[in-house]
Amino acid sequence: MPAVKDGVRTDAPINDIASLYLNYHVALNNVQREQFRGKDAIIEGTSFQIATPREINRVSKITRKSLGLTPRDTVENDQTRMVALQTKWDGYENLNFELPNHALYNQPGSGK
């Protein structure tokens, strides 16, 4: 935790944090690590990792199962739709990722 301690901020009261620890510290002995793997992309000169629909669905199934929920057949959201619109990007050799409707990176409302 020393690597992230300066970047962590919360407005949770200390009593809530103590309660979380008291109620869930046993669960710390039963932790499964998963990595959300993305594919490389470049949007307007900035490097990103883009989660593919396959990866989103894999992580969704694991998460829903661990919460005791029924896994969905497929997840469909803005991210999966944006990936489906790509005609050239493959995350390996073709890294240019096009935002929908000529939207611009980091300019809210562009592309509408």
PDB file of N, CA and C in Angstrom:
ATOM      1  N   MET A   1       0.783  -1.205   0.000  1.00  0.00           N
ATOM      2  CA  MET A   1       0.000   0.000   0.000  1.00  0.00           C
ATOM      3  C   MET A   1       0.832   1.282   0.000  1.00  0.00           C
ATOM      4  N   PRO A   2       2.103   1.257   0.378  1.00  0.00           N
ATOM      5  CA  PRO A   2       2.853   2.515   0.365  1.00  0.00           C
ATOM      6  C   PRO A   2       2.851   3.187  -1.005  1.00  0.00           C
ATOM      7  N   ALA A   3       2.775   2.404  -2.076  1.00  0.00           N
ATOM      8  CA  ALA A   3       2.826   2.978  -3.416  1.00  0.00           C
ATOM      9  C   ALA A   3       1.585   3.788  -3.745  1.00  0.00           C
ATOM     10  N   VAL A   4       0.454   3.492  -3.131  1.00  0.00           N
ATOM     11  CA  VAL A   4      -0.783   4.191  -3.464  1.00  0.00           C
ATOM     12  C   VAL A   4      -1.327   5.053  -2.342  1.00  0.00           C
ATOM     13  N   LYS A   5      -0.737   5.009  -1.174  1.00  0.00           N
ATOM     14  CA  LYS A   5      -1.328   5.680  -0.016  1.00  0.00           C
ATOM     15  C   LYS A   5      -1.537   7.172  -0.231  1.00  0.00           C
ATOM     16  N   ASP A   6      -0.643   7.852  -0.928  1.00  0.00           N
ATOM     17  CA  ASP A   6      -0.813   9.285  -1.141  1.00  0.00           C
ATOM     18  C   ASP A   6      -1.912   9.595  -2.148  1.00  0.00           C
ATOM     19  N   GLY A   7      -2.262   8.630  -2.994  1.00  0.00           N
ATOM     20  CA  GLY A   7      -3.290   8.859  -3.999  1.00  0.00           C
ATOM     21  C   GLY A   7      -4.675   8.426  -3.579  1.00  0.00           C
ATOM     22  N   VAL A   8      -4.828   7.920  -2.375  1.00  0.00           N
ATOM     23  CA  VAL A   8      -6.127   7.427  -1.921  1.00  0.00           C
ATOM     24  C   VAL A   8      -6.779   8.482  -1.041  1.00  0.00           C
ATOM     25  N   ARG A   9      -7.995   8.853  -1.405  1.00  0.00           N
ATOM     26  CA  ARG A   9      -8.757   9.826  -0.623  1.00  0.00           C
ATOM     27  C   ARG A   9     -10.166   9.269  -0.420  1.00  0.00           C
ATOM     28  N   THR A  10     -10.745   9.548   0.735  1.00  0.00           N
ATOM     29  CA  THR A  10     -12.108   9.105   1.004  1.00  0.00           C
ATOM     30  C   THR A  10     -12.769  10.073   1.967  1.00  0.00           C
ATOM     31  N   ASP A  11     -14.088  10.136   1.880  1.00  0.00           N
ATOM     32  CA  ASP A  11     -14.826  10.924   2.863  1.00  0.00           C
ATOM     33  C   ASP A  11     -15.599  10.001   3.801  1.00  0.00           C
ATOM     34  N   ALA A  12     -15.247   8.718   3.770  1.00  0.00           N
ATOM     35  CA  ALA A  12     -15.901   7.748   4.659  1.00  0.00           C
ATOM     36  C   ALA A  12     -15.453   7.999   6.099  1.00  0.00           C
ATOM     37  N   PRO A  13     -16.416   8.056   7.019  1.00  0.00           N
ATOM     38  CA  PRO A  13     -16.050   8.232   8.434  1.00  0.00           C
ATOM     39  C   PRO A  13     -15.191   7.067   8.917  1.00  0.00           C
ATOM     40  N   ILE A  14     -14.287   7.349   9.839  1.00  0.00           N
ATOM     41  CA  ILE A  14     -13.369   6.332  10.352  1.00  0.00           C
ATOM     42  C   ILE A  14     -14.129   5.153  10.950  1.00  0.00           C
ATOM     43  N   ASN A  15     -15.290   5.401  11.559  1.00  0.00           N
ATOM     44  CA  ASN A  15     -16.083   4.307  12.135  1.00  0.00           C
ATOM     45  C   ASN A  15     -16.560   3.346  11.053  1.00  0.00           C
ATOM     46  N   ASP A  16     -16.902   3.876   9.862  1.00  0.00           N
ATOM     47  CA  ASP A  16     -17.326   3.012   8.759  1.00  0.00           C
ATOM     48  C   ASP A  16     -16.176   2.138   8.281  1.00  0.00           C
ATOM     49  N   ILE A  17     -14.988   2.710   8.224  1.00  0.00           N
ATOM     50  CA  ILE A  17     -13.826   1.940   7.784  1.00  0.00           C
ATOM     51  C   ILE A  17     -13.505   0.858   8.806  1.00  0.00           C
ATOM     52  N   ALA A  18     -13.590   1.197  10.081  1.00  0.00           N
ATOM     53  CA  ALA A  18     -13.357   0.197  11.132  1.00  0.00           C
ATOM     54  C   ALA A  18     -14.396  -0.907  11.044  1.00  0.00           C
ATOM     55  N   SER A  19     -15.643  -0.552  10.794  1.00  0.00           N
ATOM     56  CA  SER A  19     -16.715  -1.539  10.667  1.00  0.00           C
ATOM     57  C   SER A  19     -16.474  -2.455   9.466  1.00  0.00           C
ATOM     58  N   LEU A  20     -16.047  -1.878   8.352  1.00  0.00           N
ATOM     59  CA  LEU A  20     -15.727  -2.690   7.173  1.00  0.00           C
ATOM     60  C   LEU A  20     -14.651  -3.713   7.509  1.00  0.00           C
ATOM     61  N   TYR A  21     -13.610  -3.260   8.177  1.00  0.00           N
ATOM     62  CA  TYR A  21     -12.531  -4.175   8.543  1.00  0.00           C
ATOM     63  C   TYR A  21     -13.038  -5.275   9.465  1.00  0.00           C
ATOM     64  N   LEU A  22     -13.768  -4.907  10.504  1.00  0.00           N
ATOM     65  CA  LEU A  22     -14.252  -5.900  11.470  1.00  0.00           C
ATOM     66  C   LEU A  22     -15.162  -6.935  10.815  1.00  0.00           C
ATOM     67  N   ASN A  23     -15.979  -6.496   9.867  1.00  0.00           N
ATOM     68  CA  ASN A  23     -16.926  -7.409   9.231  1.00  0.00           C
ATOM     69  C   ASN A  23     -16.326  -8.233   8.096  1.00  0.00           C
ATOM     70  N   TYR A  24     -15.263  -7.744   7.479  1.00  0.00           N
ATOM     71  CA  TYR A  24     -14.768  -8.411   6.274  1.00  0.00           C
ATOM     72  C   TYR A  24     -13.307  -8.835   6.328  1.00  0.00           C
ATOM     73  N   HIS A  25     -12.609  -8.646   7.445  1.00  0.00           N
ATOM     74  CA  HIS A  25     -11.183  -8.988   7.468  1.00  0.00           C
ATOM     75  C   HIS A  25     -10.936 -10.475   7.229  1.00  0.00           C
ATOM     76  N   VAL A  26     -11.879 -11.342   7.601  1.00  0.00           N
ATOM     77  CA  VAL A  26     -11.716 -12.780   7.351  1.00  0.00           C
ATOM     78  C   VAL A  26     -11.675 -13.049   5.841  1.00  0.00           C
ATOM     79  N   ALA A  27     -12.419 -12.266   5.081  1.00  0.00           N
ATOM     80  CA  ALA A  27     -12.457 -12.450   3.628  1.00  0.00           C
ATOM     81  C   ALA A  27     -11.108 -12.151   2.979  1.00  0.00           C
ATOM     82  N   LEU A  28     -10.255 -11.407   3.663  1.00  0.00           N
ATOM     83  CA  LEU A  28      -8.940 -11.101   3.101  1.00  0.00           C
ATOM     84  C   LEU A  28      -8.099 -12.354   2.895  1.00  0.00           C
ATOM     85  N   ASN A  29      -8.453 -13.446   3.563  1.00  0.00           N
ATOM     86  CA  ASN A  29      -7.745 -14.715   3.386  1.00  0.00           C
ATOM     87  C   ASN A  29      -8.266 -15.497   2.189  1.00  0.00           C
ATOM     88  N   ASN A  30      -9.299 -14.983   1.541  1.00  0.00           N
ATOM     89  CA  ASN A  30      -9.908 -15.677   0.408  1.00  0.00           C
ATOM     90  C   ASN A  30     -10.057 -14.694  -0.760  1.00  0.00           C
ATOM     91  N   VAL A  31      -8.936 -14.195  -1.234  1.00  0.00           N
ATOM     92  CA  VAL A  31      -8.937 -13.207  -2.303  1.00  0.00           C
ATOM     93  C   VAL A  31      -8.432 -13.852  -3.580  1.00  0.00           C
ATOM     94  N   GLN A  32      -9.181 -13.653  -4.652  1.00  0.00           N
ATOM     95  CA  GLN A  32      -8.756 -14.138  -5.962  1.00  0.00           C
ATOM     96  C   GLN A  32      -8.385 -12.920  -6.799  1.00  0.00           C
ATOM     97  N   ARG A  33      -7.215 -12.938  -7.377  1.00  0.00           N
ATOM     98  CA  ARG A  33      -6.765 -11.826  -8.208  1.00  0.00           C
ATOM     99  C   ARG A  33      -7.149 -12.062  -9.652  1.00  0.00           C
ATOM    100  N   GLU A  34      -7.632 -11.025 -10.276  1.00  0.00           N
ATOM    101  CA  GLU A  34      -7.938 -11.048 -11.701  1.00  0.00           C
ATOM    102  C   GLU A  34      -7.363  -9.785 -12.319  1.00  0.00           C
ATOM    103  N   GLN A  35      -6.957  -9.893 -13.548  1.00  0.00           N
ATOM    104  CA  GLN A  35      -6.446  -8.731 -14.264  1.00  0.00           C
ATOM    105  C   GLN A  35      -7.366  -8.445 -15.434  1.00  0.00           C
ATOM    106  N   PHE A  36      -7.815  -7.217 -15.522  1.00  0.00           N
ATOM    107  CA  PHE A  36      -8.642  -6.783 -16.644  1.00  0.00           C
ATOM    108  C   PHE A  36      -7.673  -6.436 -17.765  1.00  0.00           C
ATOM    109  N   ARG A  37      -7.558  -7.297 -18.758  1.00  0.00           N
ATOM    110  CA  ARG A  37      -6.562  -7.127 -19.818  1.00  0.00           C
ATOM    111  C   ARG A  37      -7.140  -6.331 -20.989  1.00  0.00           C
ATOM    112  N   GLY A  38      -6.429  -5.298 -21.383  1.00  0.00           N
ATOM    113  CA  GLY A  38      -6.852  -4.505 -22.526  1.00  0.00           C
ATOM    114  C   GLY A  38      -5.907  -4.707 -23.695  1.00  0.00           C
ATOM    115  N   LYS A  39      -6.306  -4.171 -24.835  1.00  0.00           N
ATOM    116  CA  LYS A  39      -5.453  -4.171 -26.020  1.00  0.00           C
ATOM    117  C   LYS A  39      -4.975  -2.744 -26.255  1.00  0.00           C
ATOM    118  N   ASP A  40      -3.789  -2.626 -26.814  1.00  0.00           N
ATOM    119  CA  ASP A  40      -3.207  -1.313 -27.062  1.00  0.00           C
ATOM    120  C   ASP A  40      -4.030  -0.521 -28.069  1.00  0.00           C
ATOM    121  N   ALA A  41      -4.098   0.782 -27.833  1.00  0.00           N
ATOM    122  CA  ALA A  41      -4.787   1.688 -28.748  1.00  0.00           C
ATOM    123  C   ALA A  41      -4.156   3.065 -28.634  1.00  0.00           C
ATOM    124  N   ILE A  42      -4.284   3.820 -29.711  1.00  0.00           N
ATOM    125  CA  ILE A  42      -3.850   5.211 -29.709  1.00  0.00           C
ATOM    126  C   ILE A  42      -5.037   6.048 -30.168  1.00  0.00           C
ATOM    127  N   ILE A  43      -5.395   7.027 -29.337  1.00  0.00           N
ATOM    128  CA  ILE A  43      -6.472   7.957 -29.667  1.00  0.00           C
ATOM    129  C   ILE A  43      -5.871   9.355 -29.622  1.00  0.00           C
ATOM    130  N   GLU A  44      -5.818   9.991 -30.789  1.00  0.00           N
ATOM    131  CA  GLU A  44      -5.255  11.340 -30.913  1.00  0.00           C
ATOM    132  C   GLU A  44      -3.885  11.456 -30.253  1.00  0.00           C
ATOM    133  N   GLY A  45      -3.025  10.471 -30.477  1.00  0.00           N
ATOM    134  CA  GLY A  45      -1.658  10.507 -29.980  1.00  0.00           C
ATOM    135  C   GLY A  45      -1.474  10.057 -28.543  1.00  0.00           C
ATOM    136  N   THR A  46      -2.544   9.695 -27.868  1.00  0.00           N
ATOM    137  CA  THR A  46      -2.470   9.248 -26.478  1.00  0.00           C
ATOM    138  C   THR A  46      -2.672   7.742 -26.420  1.00  0.00           C
ATOM    139  N   SER A  47      -1.814   7.051 -25.683  1.00  0.00           N
ATOM    140  CA  SER A  47      -1.896   5.589 -25.567  1.00  0.00           C
ATOM    141  C   SER A  47      -2.956   5.180 -24.554  1.00  0.00           C
ATOM    142  N   PHE A  48      -3.692   4.139 -24.892  1.00  0.00           N
ATOM    143  CA  PHE A  48      -4.742   3.598 -24.037  1.00  0.00           C
ATOM    144  C   PHE A  48      -4.682   2.083 -24.038  1.00  0.00           C
ATOM    145  N   GLN A  49      -5.356   1.486 -23.104  1.00  0.00           N
ATOM    146  CA  GLN A  49      -5.674   0.066 -23.121  1.00  0.00           C
ATOM    147  C   GLN A  49      -7.189  -0.013 -23.287  1.00  0.00           C
ATOM    148  N   ILE A  50      -7.644  -0.704 -24.311  1.00  0.00           N
ATOM    149  CA  ILE A  50      -9.073  -0.831 -24.592  1.00  0.00           C
ATOM    150  C   ILE A  50      -9.512  -2.246 -24.226  1.00  0.00           C
ATOM    151  N   ALA A  51     -10.530  -2.338 -23.412  1.00  0.00           N
ATOM    152  CA  ALA A  51     -11.084  -3.646 -23.055  1.00  0.00           C
ATOM    153  C   ALA A  51     -11.982  -4.123 -24.184  1.00  0.00           C
ATOM    154  N   THR A  52     -11.738  -5.314 -24.656  1.00  0.00           N
ATOM    155  CA  THR A  52     -12.564  -5.876 -25.719  1.00  0.00           C
ATOM    156  C   THR A  52     -13.854  -6.437 -25.122  1.00  0.00           C
ATOM    157  N   PRO A  53     -14.888  -6.601 -25.951  1.00  0.00           N
ATOM    158  CA  PRO A  53     -16.117  -7.214 -25.446  1.00  0.00           C
ATOM    159  C   PRO A  53     -15.865  -8.584 -24.818  1.00  0.00           C
ATOM    160  N   ARG A  54     -14.964  -9.344 -25.397  1.00  0.00           N
ATOM    161  CA  ARG A  54     -14.659 -10.668 -24.838  1.00  0.00           C
ATOM    162  C   ARG A  54     -14.115 -10.550 -23.412  1.00  0.00           C
ATOM    163  N   GLU A  55     -13.198  -9.589 -23.193  1.00  0.00           N
ATOM    164  CA  GLU A  55     -12.616  -9.388 -21.869  1.00  0.00           C
ATOM    165  C   GLU A  55     -13.648  -8.831 -20.891  1.00  0.00           C
ATOM    166  N   ILE A  56     -14.467  -7.908 -21.360  1.00  0.00           N
ATOM    167  CA  ILE A  56     -15.532  -7.360 -20.510  1.00  0.00           C
ATOM    168  C   ILE A  56     -16.463  -8.476 -20.059  1.00  0.00           C
ATOM    169  N   ASN A  57     -16.823  -9.354 -20.969  1.00  0.00           N
ATOM    170  CA  ASN A  57     -17.713 -10.467 -20.619  1.00  0.00           C
ATOM    171  C   ASN A  57     -17.044 -11.455 -19.672  1.00  0.00           C
ATOM    172  N   ARG A  58     -15.757 -11.712 -19.865  1.00  0.00           N
ATOM    173  CA  ARG A  58     -15.033 -12.627 -18.979  1.00  0.00           C
ATOM    174  C   ARG A  58     -15.034 -12.098 -17.548  1.00  0.00           C
ATOM    175  N   VAL A  59     -14.689 -10.827 -17.387  1.00  0.00           N
ATOM    176  CA  VAL A  59     -14.629 -10.234 -16.051  1.00  0.00           C
ATOM    177  C   VAL A  59     -16.029 -10.102 -15.454  1.00  0.00           C
ATOM    178  N   SER A  60     -17.009  -9.787 -16.279  1.00  0.00           N
ATOM    179  CA  SER A  60     -18.391  -9.693 -15.790  1.00  0.00           C
ATOM    180  C   SER A  60     -18.866 -11.021 -15.218  1.00  0.00           C
ATOM    181  N   LYS A  61     -18.583 -12.109 -15.920  1.00  0.00           N
ATOM    182  CA  LYS A  61     -18.999 -13.436 -15.435  1.00  0.00           C
ATOM    183  C   LYS A  61     -18.339 -13.775 -14.095  1.00  0.00           C
ATOM    184  N   ILE A  62     -17.046 -13.502 -13.980  1.00  0.00           N
ATOM    185  CA  ILE A  62     -16.324 -13.773 -12.730  1.00  0.00           C
ATOM    186  C   ILE A  62     -16.904 -12.940 -11.593  1.00  0.00           C
ATOM    187  N   THR A  63     -17.125 -11.663 -11.859  1.00  0.00           N
ATOM    188  CA  THR A  63     -17.630 -10.753 -10.826  1.00  0.00           C
ATOM    189  C   THR A  63     -19.035 -11.138 -10.396  1.00  0.00           C
ATOM    190  N   ARG A  64     -19.913 -11.385 -11.356  1.00  0.00           N
ATOM    191  CA  ARG A  64     -21.300 -11.737 -11.015  1.00  0.00           C
ATOM    192  C   ARG A  64     -21.351 -13.056 -10.249  1.00  0.00           C
ATOM    193  N   LYS A  65     -20.523 -14.013 -10.653  1.00  0.00           N
ATOM    194  CA  LYS A  65     -20.494 -15.295  -9.943  1.00  0.00           C
ATOM    195  C   LYS A  65     -20.037 -15.103  -8.499  1.00  0.00           C
ATOM    196  N   SER A  66     -18.993 -14.281  -8.295  1.00  0.00           N
ATOM    197  CA  SER A  66     -18.482 -14.074  -6.936  1.00  0.00           C
ATOM    198  C   SER A  66     -19.489 -13.337  -6.060  1.00  0.00           C
ATOM    199  N   LEU A  67     -20.398 -12.583  -6.672  1.00  0.00           N
ATOM    200  CA  LEU A  67     -21.437 -11.877  -5.923  1.00  0.00           C
ATOM    201  C   LEU A  67     -22.709 -12.706  -5.773  1.00  0.00           C
ATOM    202  N   GLY A  68     -22.688 -13.933  -6.306  1.00  0.00           N
ATOM    203  CA  GLY A  68     -23.858 -14.793  -6.209  1.00  0.00           C
ATOM    204  C   GLY A  68     -24.955 -14.427  -7.190  1.00  0.00           C
ATOM    205  N   LEU A  69     -24.595 -13.699  -8.251  1.00  0.00           N
ATOM    206  CA  LEU A  69     -25.565 -13.296  -9.265  1.00  0.00           C
ATOM    207  C   LEU A  69     -25.450 -14.197 -10.485  1.00  0.00           C
ATOM    208  N   THR A  70     -26.521 -14.297 -11.231  1.00  0.00           N
ATOM    209  CA  THR A  70     -26.509 -15.086 -12.458  1.00  0.00           C
ATOM    210  C   THR A  70     -25.711 -14.335 -13.522  1.00  0.00           C
ATOM    211  N   PRO A  71     -24.721 -14.997 -14.125  1.00  0.00           N
ATOM    212  CA  PRO A  71     -23.952 -14.336 -15.189  1.00  0.00           C
ATOM    213  C   PRO A  71     -24.839 -14.015 -16.387  1.00  0.00           C
ATOM    214  N   ARG A  72     -24.567 -12.903 -17.022  1.00  0.00           N
ATOM    215  CA  ARG A  72     -25.289 -12.529 -18.241  1.00  0.00           C
ATOM    216  C   ARG A  72     -24.650 -13.242 -19.421  1.00  0.00           C
ATOM    217  N   ASP A  73     -25.454 -13.489 -20.458  1.00  0.00           N
ATOM    218  CA  ASP A  73     -24.893 -14.099 -21.663  1.00  0.00           C
ATOM    219  C   ASP A  73     -23.834 -13.185 -22.268  1.00  0.00           C
ATOM    220  N   THR A  74     -24.193 -11.931 -22.479  1.00  0.00           N
ATOM    221  CA  THR A  74     -23.235 -10.953 -22.994  1.00  0.00           C
ATOM    222  C   THR A  74     -23.523  -9.589 -22.386  1.00  0.00           C
ATOM    223  N   VAL A  75     -22.476  -8.819 -22.240  1.00  0.00           N
ATOM    224  CA  VAL A  75     -22.599  -7.443 -21.773  1.00  0.00           C
ATOM    225  C   VAL A  75     -22.606  -6.557 -23.006  1.00  0.00           C
ATOM    226  N   GLU A  76     -23.574  -5.666 -23.075  1.00  0.00           N
ATOM    227  CA  GLU A  76     -23.598  -4.688 -24.159  1.00  0.00           C
ATOM    228  C   GLU A  76     -23.685  -3.312 -23.524  1.00  0.00           C
ATOM    229  N   ASN A  77     -22.680  -2.482 -23.805  1.00  0.00           N
ATOM    230  CA  ASN A  77     -22.643  -1.129 -23.262  1.00  0.00           C
ATOM    231  C   ASN A  77     -21.898  -0.226 -24.246  1.00  0.00           C
ATOM    232  N   ASP A  78     -21.665   1.017 -23.855  1.00  0.00           N
ATOM    233  CA  ASP A  78     -20.977   1.953 -24.758  1.00  0.00           C
ATOM    234  C   ASP A  78     -19.615   1.428 -25.187  1.00  0.00           C
ATOM    235  N   GLN A  79     -18.895   0.814 -24.262  1.00  0.00           N
ATOM    236  CA  GLN A  79     -17.557   0.298 -24.569  1.00  0.00           C
ATOM    237  C   GLN A  79     -17.624  -0.808 -25.625  1.00  0.00           C
ATOM    238  N   THR A  80     -18.507  -1.771 -25.445  1.00  0.00           N
ATOM    239  CA  THR A  80     -18.583  -2.875 -26.409  1.00  0.00           C
ATOM    240  C   THR A  80     -19.063  -2.371 -27.769  1.00  0.00           C
ATOM    241  N   ARG A  81     -19.984  -1.404 -27.770  1.00  0.00           N
ATOM    242  CA  ARG A  81     -20.459  -0.849 -29.041  1.00  0.00           C
ATOM    243  C   ARG A  81     -19.346  -0.078 -29.757  1.00  0.00           C
ATOM    244  N   MET A  82     -18.535   0.665 -28.994  1.00  0.00           N
ATOM    245  CA  MET A  82     -17.445   1.434 -29.586  1.00  0.00           C
ATOM    246  C   MET A  82     -16.416   0.506 -30.233  1.00  0.00           C
ATOM    247  N   VAL A  83     -16.111  -0.598 -29.578  1.00  0.00           N
ATOM    248  CA  VAL A  83     -15.161  -1.563 -30.143  1.00  0.00           C
ATOM    249  C   VAL A  83     -15.743  -2.185 -31.410  1.00  0.00           C
ATOM    250  N   ALA A  84     -17.038  -2.477 -31.392  1.00  0.00           N
ATOM    251  CA  ALA A  84     -17.678  -3.094 -32.556  1.00  0.00           C
ATOM    252  C   ALA A  84     -17.644  -2.175 -33.780  1.00  0.00           C
ATOM    253  N   LEU A  85     -17.575  -0.875 -33.572  1.00  0.00           N
ATOM    254  CA  LEU A  85     -17.547   0.082 -34.682  1.00  0.00           C
ATOM    255  C   LEU A  85     -16.185   0.175 -35.376  1.00  0.00           C
ATOM    256  N   GLN A  86     -15.154  -0.373 -34.764  1.00  0.00           N
ATOM    257  CA  GLN A  86     -13.801  -0.254 -35.321  1.00  0.00           C
ATOM    258  C   GLN A  86     -13.679  -1.073 -36.607  1.00  0.00           C
ATOM    259  N   THR A  87     -13.128  -0.443 -37.640  1.00  0.00           N
ATOM    260  CA  THR A  87     -12.937  -1.160 -38.901  1.00  0.00           C
ATOM    261  C   THR A  87     -11.477  -1.535 -39.140  1.00  0.00           C
ATOM    262  N   LYS A  88     -10.543  -0.838 -38.479  1.00  0.00           N
ATOM    263  CA  LYS A  88      -9.119  -1.109 -38.699  1.00  0.00           C
ATOM    264  C   LYS A  88      -8.383  -1.521 -37.431  1.00  0.00           C
ATOM    265  N   TRP A  89      -8.767  -0.973 -36.296  1.00  0.00           N
ATOM    266  CA  TRP A  89      -8.062  -1.232 -35.034  1.00  0.00           C
ATOM    267  C   TRP A  89      -8.130  -2.708 -34.682  1.00  0.00           C
ATOM    268  N   ASP A  90      -6.973  -3.270 -34.310  1.00  0.00           N
ATOM    269  CA  ASP A  90      -6.957  -4.662 -33.852  1.00  0.00           C
ATOM    270  C   ASP A  90      -6.221  -4.818 -32.519  1.00  0.00           C
ATOM    271  N   GLY A  91      -5.629  -3.740 -32.024  1.00  0.00           N
ATOM    272  CA  GLY A  91      -4.940  -3.794 -30.737  1.00  0.00           C
ATOM    273  C   GLY A  91      -3.537  -4.361 -30.795  1.00  0.00           C
ATOM    274  N   TYR A  92      -3.083  -4.739 -31.995  1.00  0.00           N
ATOM    275  CA  TYR A  92      -1.746  -5.310 -32.146  1.00  0.00           C
ATOM    276  C   TYR A  92      -0.928  -4.515 -33.157  1.00  0.00           C
ATOM    277  N   GLU A  93      -1.299  -4.603 -34.416  1.00  0.00           N
ATOM    278  CA  GLU A  93      -0.562  -3.900 -35.468  1.00  0.00           C
ATOM    279  C   GLU A  93      -1.234  -2.586 -35.850  1.00  0.00           C
ATOM    280  N   ASN A  94      -2.532  -2.563 -35.840  1.00  0.00           N
ATOM    281  CA  ASN A  94      -3.293  -1.357 -36.160  1.00  0.00           C
ATOM    282  C   ASN A  94      -3.833  -0.776 -34.861  1.00  0.00           C
ATOM    283  N   LEU A  95      -3.171   0.258 -34.360  1.00  0.00           N
ATOM    284  CA  LEU A  95      -3.478   0.779 -33.024  1.00  0.00           C
ATOM    285  C   LEU A  95      -4.375   2.009 -33.022  1.00  0.00           C
ATOM    286  N   ASN A  96      -4.600   2.626 -34.167  1.00  0.00           N
ATOM    287  CA  ASN A  96      -5.437   3.826 -34.198  1.00  0.00           C
ATOM    288  C   ASN A  96      -6.892   3.464 -33.936  1.00  0.00           C
ATOM    289  N   PHE A  97      -7.408   3.986 -32.831  1.00  0.00           N
ATOM    290  CA  PHE A  97      -8.771   3.703 -32.383  1.00  0.00           C
ATOM    291  C   PHE A  97      -9.617   4.938 -32.663  1.00  0.00           C
ATOM    292  N   GLU A  98     -10.678   4.764 -33.432  1.00  0.00           N
ATOM    293  CA  GLU A  98     -11.542   5.879 -33.824  1.00  0.00           C
ATOM    294  C   GLU A  98     -12.695   6.025 -32.841  1.00  0.00           C
ATOM    295  N   LEU A  99     -12.881   7.235 -32.335  1.00  0.00           N
ATOM    296  CA  LEU A  99     -14.034   7.505 -31.485  1.00  0.00           C
ATOM    297  C   LEU A  99     -15.263   7.694 -32.368  1.00  0.00           C
ATOM    298  N   PRO A 100     -16.436   7.318 -31.883  1.00  0.00           N
ATOM    299  CA  PRO A 100     -17.638   7.402 -32.717  1.00  0.00           C
ATOM    300  C   PRO A 100     -18.036   8.847 -33.031  1.00  0.00           C
ATOM    301  N   ASN A 101     -18.652   9.027 -34.178  1.00  0.00           N
ATOM    302  CA  ASN A 101     -19.200  10.322 -34.602  1.00  0.00           C
ATOM    303  C   ASN A 101     -18.159  11.443 -34.595  1.00  0.00           C
ATOM    304  N   HIS A 102     -16.919  11.087 -34.905  1.00  0.00           N
ATOM    305  CA  HIS A 102     -15.822  12.068 -34.967  1.00  0.00           C
ATOM    306  C   HIS A 102     -15.624  12.802 -33.641  1.00  0.00           C
ATOM    307  N   ALA A 103     -15.929  12.140 -32.549  1.00  0.00           N
ATOM    308  CA  ALA A 103     -15.713  12.728 -31.224  1.00  0.00           C
ATOM    309  C   ALA A 103     -14.225  12.958 -31.020  1.00  0.00           C
ATOM    310  N   LEU A 104     -13.902  13.914 -30.179  1.00  0.00           N
ATOM    311  CA  LEU A 104     -12.518  14.227 -29.865  1.00  0.00           C
ATOM    312  C   LEU A 104     -12.216  13.806 -28.442  1.00  0.00           C
ATOM    313  N   TYR A 105     -11.031  13.243 -28.249  1.00  0.00           N
ATOM    314  CA  TYR A 105     -10.605  12.800 -26.929  1.00  0.00           C
ATOM    315  C   TYR A 105     -10.573  13.975 -25.962  1.00  0.00           C
ATOM    316  N   ASN A 106     -11.107  13.769 -24.796  1.00  0.00           N
ATOM    317  CA  ASN A 106     -11.076  14.736 -23.692  1.00  0.00           C
ATOM    318  C   ASN A 106     -11.816  16.031 -24.009  1.00  0.00           C
ATOM    319  N   GLN A 107     -12.821  15.945 -24.887  1.00  0.00           N
ATOM    320  CA  GLN A 107     -13.679  17.094 -25.173  1.00  0.00           C
ATOM    321  C   GLN A 107     -15.125  16.646 -25.033  1.00  0.00           C
ATOM    322  N   PRO A 108     -15.665  16.734 -23.821  1.00  0.00           N
ATOM    323  CA  PRO A 108     -17.038  16.289 -23.585  1.00  0.00           C
ATOM    324  C   PRO A 108     -18.015  16.960 -24.546  1.00  0.00           C
ATOM    325  N   GLY A 109     -18.938  16.170 -25.054  1.00  0.00           N
ATOM    326  CA  GLY A 109     -19.961  16.695 -25.948  1.00  0.00           C
ATOM    327  C   GLY A 109     -19.582  16.663 -27.408  1.00  0.00           C
ATOM    328  N   SER A 110     -18.297  16.462 -27.722  1.00  0.00           N
ATOM    329  CA  SER A 110     -17.929  16.376 -29.134  1.00  0.00           C
ATOM    330  C   SER A 110     -18.437  15.039 -29.663  1.00  0.00           C
ATOM    331  N   GLY A 111     -18.763  15.005 -30.911  1.00  0.00           N
ATOM    332  CA  GLY A 111     -19.245  13.766 -31.508  1.00  0.00           C
ATOM    333  C   GLY A 111     -20.744  13.591 -31.424  1.00  0.00           C
ATOM    334  N   LYS A 112     -21.441  14.598 -30.918  1.00  0.00           N
ATOM    335  CA  LYS A 112     -22.912  14.486 -30.841  1.00  0.00           C
ATOM    336  C   LYS A 112     -23.544  15.005 -32.090  1.00  0.00           C
TER     337      LYS A 112
END
